[in-house]
Amino acid sequence: MILPKSNHLSPEQLNEVTAIVAEFGCKIQPIEGAVRTIYAIVGDERDELMINRLEGLAYIDRIDRIQSPFKLMDRRSDLANGRLEVGGVTLGTELLVIAGPCTVDPKNPGYLLETAEAVKAAGAHVLRGGVWKPRTNPYTFQGDSKSLDILMEASRRTGLPVVTEVMDEGHVKLALAAGVTLLQVGARNALNYSLLRAIGKTIAGKNKVAVLLKRGLHMGTLNEFILAAEYIASFGNPNVILCPRGTAPALDGYRNYPDESIIPLLKEKTWASVVVDPSHAVGKASYVPACALAAVAYGADGLSIETHVSPSHGIGDDPKQALTPDALARTVAEARKVWELRRSSRG
């Protein structure tokens, strides 16, 4: 990882660095952080002659060789100095709240529009809504691109940025063109490396979109989770948020095996912010508030909570696990108290 003395390399400097590493069979991937651009060496960076030549350049501050399987996401990476802002919240300074229905119903847009106003009033910073849905059963509702227009109309009416799940490069392009500011990679696609690469390369305007990366159901180790994020970062987009959402096999009575307790372990390994999805972790509305509070107590930077003005009319997971706006407001208020308690205890 090459760190220049200035905020970024000039075109001439980048050309020189690229030519040097090419002699050793490597490439350069610029990673635009919040503070400065760093330059990842893609390939075998262990050649001492290459490193010596790079360190001898007057405009290079240093070469970081982090001995970790995830060099960019490692907490010792220079990217740890950056700060990610989503929905007007700088992660780590305030509890981020994402809320909205599982699925945007294209036949009944009023539910989404009403829910959007309600979650904003309840304290949400970002509106969630599924446009395209990965389903186990091929005959169930798979989503509809028309829902994207409804989601963006809700965003315009409320001023809330939106997050939606993408499953392929076509979805990514449509979402970015519409103005989606937070792309979600679901549990089923957390190991879809082609999709992770594509998202890493995407840039919306001058700024890279943020990515909410959910933990795969069968990710047995935390390294596997973080390495999925490394794919996104290594292809140019470091704005990755890790999202525990429960794993398999399910714990009796819950939809999945709640995994909010991994938050401290993640924070020991990586600088990435952690936003927990308690709705999918437990799968039952009455259990969601307790899971949300536990996540914040463990150190979560935010929550993503399914919410619907009339859960029984939801066409996704809402009938079972969505909170009403009133329940969301109570949960958010209690979660913020836990957040403040944790912050005060840290001094």
Protein backbone atom coordinates (compact mmCIF):
# COMPACT_ATOMS: atom_id res chain seq x y z
CA MET A 1 0.00 0.00 0.00
CA ILE A 2 1.59 3.27 -1.18
CA LEU A 3 0.99 6.45 0.80
CA PRO A 4 2.02 9.69 -0.94
CA LYS A 5 3.20 12.78 0.91
CA SER A 6 0.41 14.87 -0.63
CA ASN A 7 -3.30 14.06 -0.76
CA HIS A 8 -2.84 12.21 -4.03
CA LEU A 9 -0.32 11.52 -6.76
CA SER A 10 -0.19 13.75 -9.80
CA PRO A 11 -0.84 12.04 -13.16
CA GLU A 12 2.89 12.09 -13.88
CA GLN A 13 3.72 10.57 -10.49
CA LEU A 14 1.06 7.90 -10.88
CA ASN A 15 2.44 7.00 -14.29
CA GLU A 16 5.92 6.61 -12.82
CA VAL A 17 4.73 4.43 -9.95
CA THR A 18 2.61 2.33 -12.32
CA ALA A 19 5.61 1.76 -14.59
CA ILE A 20 7.79 0.65 -11.68
CA VAL A 21 5.36 -1.92 -10.30
CA ALA A 22 4.60 -3.19 -13.82
CA GLU A 23 8.23 -4.27 -14.10
CA PHE A 24 7.52 -6.68 -11.24
CA GLY A 25 4.21 -7.98 -12.60
CA CYS A 26 2.02 -5.77 -10.40
CA LYS A 27 -0.64 -3.12 -10.94
CA ILE A 28 -1.80 -0.04 -9.03
CA GLN A 29 -5.36 0.46 -7.75
CA PRO A 30 -6.11 3.96 -6.40
CA ILE A 31 -8.36 3.96 -3.32
CA GLU A 32 -9.90 7.36 -2.60
CA GLY A 33 -10.16 7.73 1.16
CA ALA A 34 -11.68 10.66 3.04
CA VAL A 35 -8.28 12.08 3.96
CA ARG A 36 -6.13 11.14 0.99
CA THR A 37 -5.89 8.69 -1.86
CA ILE A 38 -3.80 5.61 -1.20
CA TYR A 39 -2.52 3.26 -3.86
CA ALA A 40 -2.86 -0.48 -3.43
CA ILE A 41 -0.26 -2.69 -5.08
CA VAL A 42 -2.18 -5.48 -6.78
CA GLY A 43 0.05 -8.53 -7.05
CA ASP A 44 3.01 -9.88 -5.12
CA GLU A 45 4.29 -6.85 -3.20
CA ARG A 46 7.03 -8.71 -1.37
CA ASP A 47 9.82 -7.94 -3.86
CA GLU A 48 12.28 -5.83 -1.90
CA LEU A 49 13.78 -4.25 -5.01
CA MET A 50 10.38 -2.91 -6.05
CA ILE A 51 9.70 -1.58 -2.55
CA ASN A 52 13.11 0.07 -2.36
CA ARG A 53 12.59 1.82 -5.67
CA LEU A 54 9.18 3.09 -4.61
CA GLU A 55 10.41 4.27 -1.21
CA GLY A 56 13.20 6.15 -2.96
CA LEU A 57 10.75 8.41 -4.78
CA ALA A 58 10.71 11.92 -3.28
CA TYR A 59 6.91 12.17 -3.29
CA ILE A 60 6.27 8.88 -1.44
CA ASP A 61 5.70 9.09 2.30
CA ARG A 62 5.90 5.36 3.03
CA ILE A 63 4.95 1.88 1.90
CA ASP A 64 2.72 -0.01 4.32
CA ARG A 65 3.03 -3.78 4.15
CA ILE A 66 0.31 -4.94 6.52
CA GLN A 67 0.64 -8.64 7.21
CA SER A 68 -3.05 -9.39 7.13
CA PRO A 69 -5.32 -11.23 4.68
CA PHE A 70 -7.33 -8.00 4.37
CA LYS A 71 -4.80 -5.22 3.93
CA LEU A 72 -7.22 -2.38 3.17
CA MET A 73 -9.93 -3.25 5.69
CA ASP A 74 -7.40 -3.92 8.47
CA ARG A 75 -7.73 -1.46 11.34
CA ARG A 76 -4.06 -0.50 10.85
CA SER A 77 -4.75 0.63 7.28
CA ASP A 78 -4.56 4.33 6.47
CA LEU A 79 -8.23 4.08 5.51
CA ALA A 80 -8.98 3.96 9.24
CA ASN A 81 -8.38 7.71 9.32
CA GLY A 82 -11.42 8.40 7.16
CA ARG A 83 -15.00 9.06 8.21
CA LEU A 84 -18.08 7.87 6.37
CA GLU A 85 -21.24 9.99 6.32
CA VAL A 86 -24.62 8.44 5.53
CA GLY A 87 -27.94 10.21 5.81
CA GLY A 88 -26.33 13.22 7.45
CA VAL A 89 -24.77 11.03 10.14
CA THR A 90 -21.03 10.64 10.48
CA LEU A 91 -20.76 7.01 11.51
CA GLY A 92 -19.27 6.64 14.94
CA THR A 93 -20.52 10.00 16.20
CA GLU A 94 -24.26 9.25 16.26
CA LEU A 95 -26.39 6.12 16.02
CA LEU A 96 -27.44 5.62 12.39
CA VAL A 97 -31.02 4.40 11.92
CA ILE A 98 -32.18 2.75 8.69
CA ALA A 99 -35.84 1.77 8.47
CA GLY A 100 -38.51 0.82 5.98
CA PRO A 101 -40.36 -2.17 4.52
CA CYS A 102 -38.85 -5.41 3.30
CA THR A 103 -40.30 -4.96 -0.18
CA VAL A 104 -41.70 -2.00 -2.10
CA ASP A 105 -45.12 -3.10 -3.37
CA PRO A 106 -45.49 -1.76 -6.93
CA LYS A 107 -49.26 -2.26 -6.85
CA ASN A 108 -49.76 -0.33 -3.61
CA PRO A 109 -47.26 2.55 -3.54
CA GLY A 110 -49.16 4.30 -0.79
CA TYR A 111 -47.81 1.90 1.81
CA LEU A 112 -44.21 2.83 1.04
CA LEU A 113 -44.92 6.56 0.81
CA GLU A 114 -46.77 6.55 4.13
CA THR A 115 -44.11 4.37 5.78
CA ALA A 116 -41.36 6.72 4.59
CA GLU A 117 -42.99 9.70 6.32
CA ALA A 118 -43.56 7.62 9.45
CA VAL A 119 -40.00 6.30 9.79
CA LYS A 120 -38.62 9.79 9.34
CA ALA A 121 -40.86 11.00 12.17
CA ALA A 122 -39.67 8.04 14.26
CA GLY A 123 -36.05 9.12 13.90
CA ALA A 124 -34.73 7.24 10.85
CA HIS A 125 -31.95 8.78 8.76
CA VAL A 126 -32.18 6.41 5.78
CA LEU A 127 -35.17 4.76 4.10
CA ARG A 128 -34.83 1.08 3.22
CA GLY A 129 -36.95 -0.70 0.65
CA GLY A 130 -36.46 -3.80 -1.47
CA VAL A 131 -36.83 -3.31 -5.21
CA TRP A 132 -35.33 -6.62 -6.38
CA LYS A 133 -35.73 -9.61 -4.09
CA PRO A 134 -33.73 -12.84 -3.95
CA ARG A 135 -36.23 -15.60 -3.22
CA THR A 136 -35.78 -19.27 -2.46
CA ASN A 137 -39.03 -20.10 -4.24
CA PRO A 138 -38.95 -19.05 -7.93
CA TYR A 139 -42.72 -18.57 -7.94
CA THR A 140 -42.83 -15.96 -5.19
CA PHE A 141 -42.60 -12.21 -5.84
CA GLN A 142 -39.12 -11.41 -7.15
CA GLY A 143 -39.41 -7.63 -7.10
CA ASP A 144 -40.15 -5.11 -9.82
CA SER A 145 -38.04 -2.31 -11.28
CA LYS A 146 -41.15 -0.12 -11.12
CA SER A 147 -40.66 -0.15 -7.35
CA LEU A 148 -37.47 1.87 -7.82
CA ASP A 149 -39.50 4.85 -9.01
CA ILE A 150 -41.72 4.59 -5.94
CA LEU A 151 -38.72 4.37 -3.64
CA MET A 152 -37.13 7.45 -5.17
CA GLU A 153 -40.42 9.36 -4.99
CA ALA A 154 -40.52 8.58 -1.26
CA SER A 155 -36.95 9.88 -1.01
CA ARG A 156 -37.90 13.13 -2.74
CA ARG A 157 -40.91 13.64 -0.49
CA THR A 158 -39.07 12.99 2.77
CA GLY A 159 -35.52 14.05 1.95
CA LEU A 160 -34.28 10.68 3.19
CA PRO A 161 -31.56 8.90 1.21
CA VAL A 162 -32.38 5.32 0.33
CA VAL A 163 -30.80 1.88 0.51
CA THR A 164 -31.84 -1.03 -1.66
CA GLU A 165 -30.42 -4.45 -2.43
CA VAL A 166 -28.72 -5.16 -5.75
CA MET A 167 -28.08 -8.63 -7.13
CA ASP A 168 -26.26 -8.00 -10.40
CA GLU A 169 -24.47 -5.28 -12.37
CA GLY A 170 -27.68 -4.30 -14.12
CA HIS A 171 -29.30 -3.53 -10.77
CA VAL A 172 -26.24 -1.52 -9.75
CA LYS A 173 -26.48 0.67 -12.85
CA LEU A 174 -30.21 1.22 -12.47
CA ALA A 175 -29.90 2.05 -8.77
CA LEU A 176 -27.10 4.56 -9.31
CA ALA A 177 -28.86 6.19 -12.24
CA ALA A 178 -31.95 6.65 -10.06
CA GLY A 179 -29.97 8.24 -7.23
CA VAL A 180 -29.70 5.44 -4.67
CA THR A 181 -26.97 6.44 -2.23
CA LEU A 182 -26.46 3.18 -0.31
CA LEU A 183 -26.24 -0.16 -2.10
CA GLN A 184 -27.04 -3.29 -0.12
CA VAL A 185 -25.37 -6.62 -0.78
CA GLY A 186 -27.61 -9.29 0.72
CA ALA A 187 -26.61 -12.42 2.60
CA ARG A 188 -27.05 -14.60 -0.49
CA ASN A 189 -24.64 -12.44 -2.51
CA ALA A 190 -22.03 -11.75 0.16
CA LEU A 191 -19.73 -14.21 -1.61
CA ASN A 192 -20.69 -13.19 -5.15
CA TYR A 193 -17.24 -11.93 -6.03
CA SER A 194 -18.22 -10.71 -9.50
CA LEU A 195 -20.87 -8.48 -7.93
CA LEU A 196 -18.47 -7.27 -5.21
CA ARG A 197 -15.91 -6.33 -7.86
CA ALA A 198 -18.53 -4.48 -9.91
CA ILE A 199 -19.71 -2.50 -6.90
CA GLY A 200 -16.12 -1.66 -6.01
CA LYS A 201 -15.71 -0.03 -9.39
CA THR A 202 -18.88 2.05 -9.25
CA ILE A 203 -18.74 5.77 -8.72
CA ALA A 204 -21.79 8.02 -8.40
CA GLY A 205 -20.76 11.49 -9.52
CA LYS A 206 -17.60 12.51 -7.73
CA ASN A 207 -18.27 10.37 -4.68
CA LYS A 208 -18.32 6.62 -4.32
CA VAL A 209 -21.57 5.21 -3.08
CA ALA A 210 -21.58 3.53 0.30
CA VAL A 211 -22.17 -0.23 0.50
CA LEU A 212 -24.06 -2.09 3.21
CA LEU A 213 -22.55 -5.58 3.13
CA LYS A 214 -24.57 -8.21 4.94
CA ARG A 215 -22.94 -11.24 6.49
CA GLY A 216 -23.56 -14.45 4.55
CA LEU A 217 -25.65 -17.12 6.23
CA HIS A 218 -22.82 -19.64 6.10
CA MET A 219 -19.80 -17.42 6.67
CA GLY A 220 -18.06 -19.47 9.30
CA THR A 221 -15.27 -17.02 10.12
CA LEU A 222 -15.10 -13.26 10.54
CA ASN A 223 -12.14 -13.13 8.17
CA GLU A 224 -14.38 -14.45 5.40
CA PHE A 225 -16.83 -11.61 6.09
CA ILE A 226 -14.13 -8.94 6.11
CA LEU A 227 -12.48 -10.37 2.99
CA ALA A 228 -15.78 -9.90 1.14
CA ALA A 229 -15.53 -6.23 2.07
CA GLU A 230 -11.89 -6.27 0.93
CA TYR A 231 -13.08 -7.19 -2.56
CA ILE A 232 -15.15 -4.01 -2.72
CA ALA A 233 -12.39 -1.82 -1.30
CA SER A 234 -9.64 -3.34 -3.44
CA PHE A 235 -11.52 -2.42 -6.60
CA GLY A 236 -11.73 1.22 -5.58
CA ASN A 237 -14.59 1.79 -3.10
CA PRO A 238 -13.61 1.85 0.60
CA ASN A 239 -17.04 3.05 1.81
CA VAL A 240 -18.11 -0.32 3.16
CA ILE A 241 -20.36 -0.91 6.17
CA LEU A 242 -20.51 -4.40 7.71
CA CYS A 243 -23.96 -5.70 8.56
CA PRO A 244 -24.43 -8.76 10.81
CA ARG A 245 -27.95 -10.16 10.26
CA GLY A 246 -27.94 -13.63 11.77
CA THR A 247 -26.43 -16.86 10.49
CA ALA A 248 -27.41 -20.48 9.95
CA PRO A 249 -28.40 -22.79 11.49
CA ALA A 250 -31.27 -20.96 13.15
CA LEU A 251 -31.61 -20.87 16.92
CA ASP A 252 -34.91 -22.41 18.05
CA GLY A 253 -37.58 -19.72 17.98
CA TYR A 254 -35.54 -17.28 15.89
CA ARG A 255 -35.32 -16.92 12.12
CA ASN A 256 -31.52 -17.19 12.19
CA TYR A 257 -28.79 -17.38 14.81
CA PRO A 258 -28.46 -13.80 16.13
CA ASP A 259 -24.86 -12.65 15.74
CA GLU A 260 -24.72 -9.14 17.20
CA SER A 261 -22.10 -10.35 19.69
CA ILE A 262 -19.47 -10.40 16.91
CA ILE A 263 -19.32 -6.59 16.83
CA PRO A 264 -16.39 -6.20 19.29
CA LEU A 265 -14.50 -8.90 17.41
CA LEU A 266 -15.03 -7.12 14.10
CA LYS A 267 -13.85 -3.85 15.58
CA GLU A 268 -10.64 -5.51 16.79
CA LYS A 269 -9.88 -6.56 13.23
CA THR A 270 -11.19 -3.78 11.01
CA TRP A 271 -11.93 -0.06 10.98
CA ALA A 272 -15.26 -0.58 9.20
CA SER A 273 -18.46 0.65 10.80
CA VAL A 274 -20.98 -2.00 11.84
CA VAL A 275 -24.74 -1.62 11.30
CA VAL A 276 -26.82 -4.52 12.58
CA ASP A 277 -30.06 -5.89 11.08
CA PRO A 278 -31.98 -7.26 14.09
CA SER A 279 -35.09 -7.92 11.99
CA HIS A 280 -33.52 -10.75 9.99
CA ALA A 281 -31.51 -11.99 12.95
CA VAL A 282 -34.58 -12.89 15.01
CA GLY A 283 -37.39 -12.81 12.43
CA LYS A 284 -40.19 -11.89 14.81
CA ALA A 285 -41.33 -8.34 15.49
CA SER A 286 -41.70 -8.81 19.25
CA TYR A 287 -38.04 -9.85 19.54
CA VAL A 288 -36.58 -7.10 17.36
CA PRO A 289 -36.36 -4.30 19.98
CA ALA A 290 -34.34 -6.43 22.43
CA CYS A 291 -31.99 -7.59 19.67
CA ALA A 292 -31.55 -3.98 18.54
CA LEU A 293 -30.64 -2.83 22.06
CA ALA A 294 -28.21 -5.73 22.45
CA ALA A 295 -26.51 -4.74 19.19
CA VAL A 296 -26.01 -1.18 20.39
CA ALA A 297 -24.72 -2.44 23.73
CA TYR A 298 -22.16 -4.54 21.85
CA GLY A 299 -21.00 -1.44 20.00
CA ALA A 300 -23.07 -1.20 16.80
CA ASP A 301 -22.76 2.06 14.88
CA GLY A 302 -26.28 1.75 13.55
CA LEU A 303 -29.41 -0.35 13.08
CA SER A 304 -31.38 -1.42 10.01
CA ILE A 305 -34.94 -2.24 11.10
CA GLU A 306 -37.82 -3.41 8.95
CA THR A 307 -40.81 -1.13 9.45
CA HIS A 308 -44.22 -0.95 7.80
CA VAL A 309 -47.30 1.17 8.55
CA SER A 310 -49.40 -1.98 8.20
CA PRO A 311 -47.16 -5.04 8.53
CA SER A 312 -49.96 -7.47 7.70
CA HIS A 313 -50.18 -5.90 4.23
CA GLY A 314 -46.47 -6.28 3.48
CA ILE A 315 -45.54 -8.56 0.58
CA GLY A 316 -42.15 -9.63 1.91
CA ASP A 317 -41.05 -10.49 5.43
CA ASP A 318 -43.06 -7.62 6.94
CA PRO A 319 -46.04 -9.59 8.30
CA LYS A 320 -43.72 -11.50 10.64
CA GLN A 321 -40.87 -9.19 11.51
CA ALA A 322 -41.64 -5.56 10.65
CA LEU A 323 -42.19 -3.08 13.45
CA THR A 324 -44.92 -0.49 13.30
CA PRO A 325 -43.72 3.13 13.23
CA ASP A 326 -44.72 3.56 16.88
CA ALA A 327 -42.68 0.51 17.89
CA LEU A 328 -39.78 1.82 15.82
CA ALA A 329 -39.92 5.19 17.59
CA ARG A 330 -39.78 3.49 21.01
CA THR A 331 -36.92 1.26 19.93
CA VAL A 332 -34.93 4.17 18.49
CA ALA A 333 -35.40 6.23 21.67
CA GLU A 334 -34.22 3.34 23.87
CA ALA A 335 -31.33 2.50 21.55
CA ARG A 336 -30.10 6.09 21.66
CA LYS A 337 -30.08 5.93 25.46
CA VAL A 338 -27.90 2.81 25.30
CA TRP A 339 -25.68 4.53 22.73
CA GLU A 340 -25.16 7.53 25.01
CA LEU A 341 -24.51 5.28 28.00
CA ARG A 342 -21.80 3.41 26.09
CA ARG A 343 -20.23 6.65 24.87
CA SER A 344 -20.15 8.14 28.37
CA SER A 345 -18.63 4.95 29.79
CA ARG A 346 -15.82 5.20 27.25
CA GLY A 347 -15.01 8.64 28.60
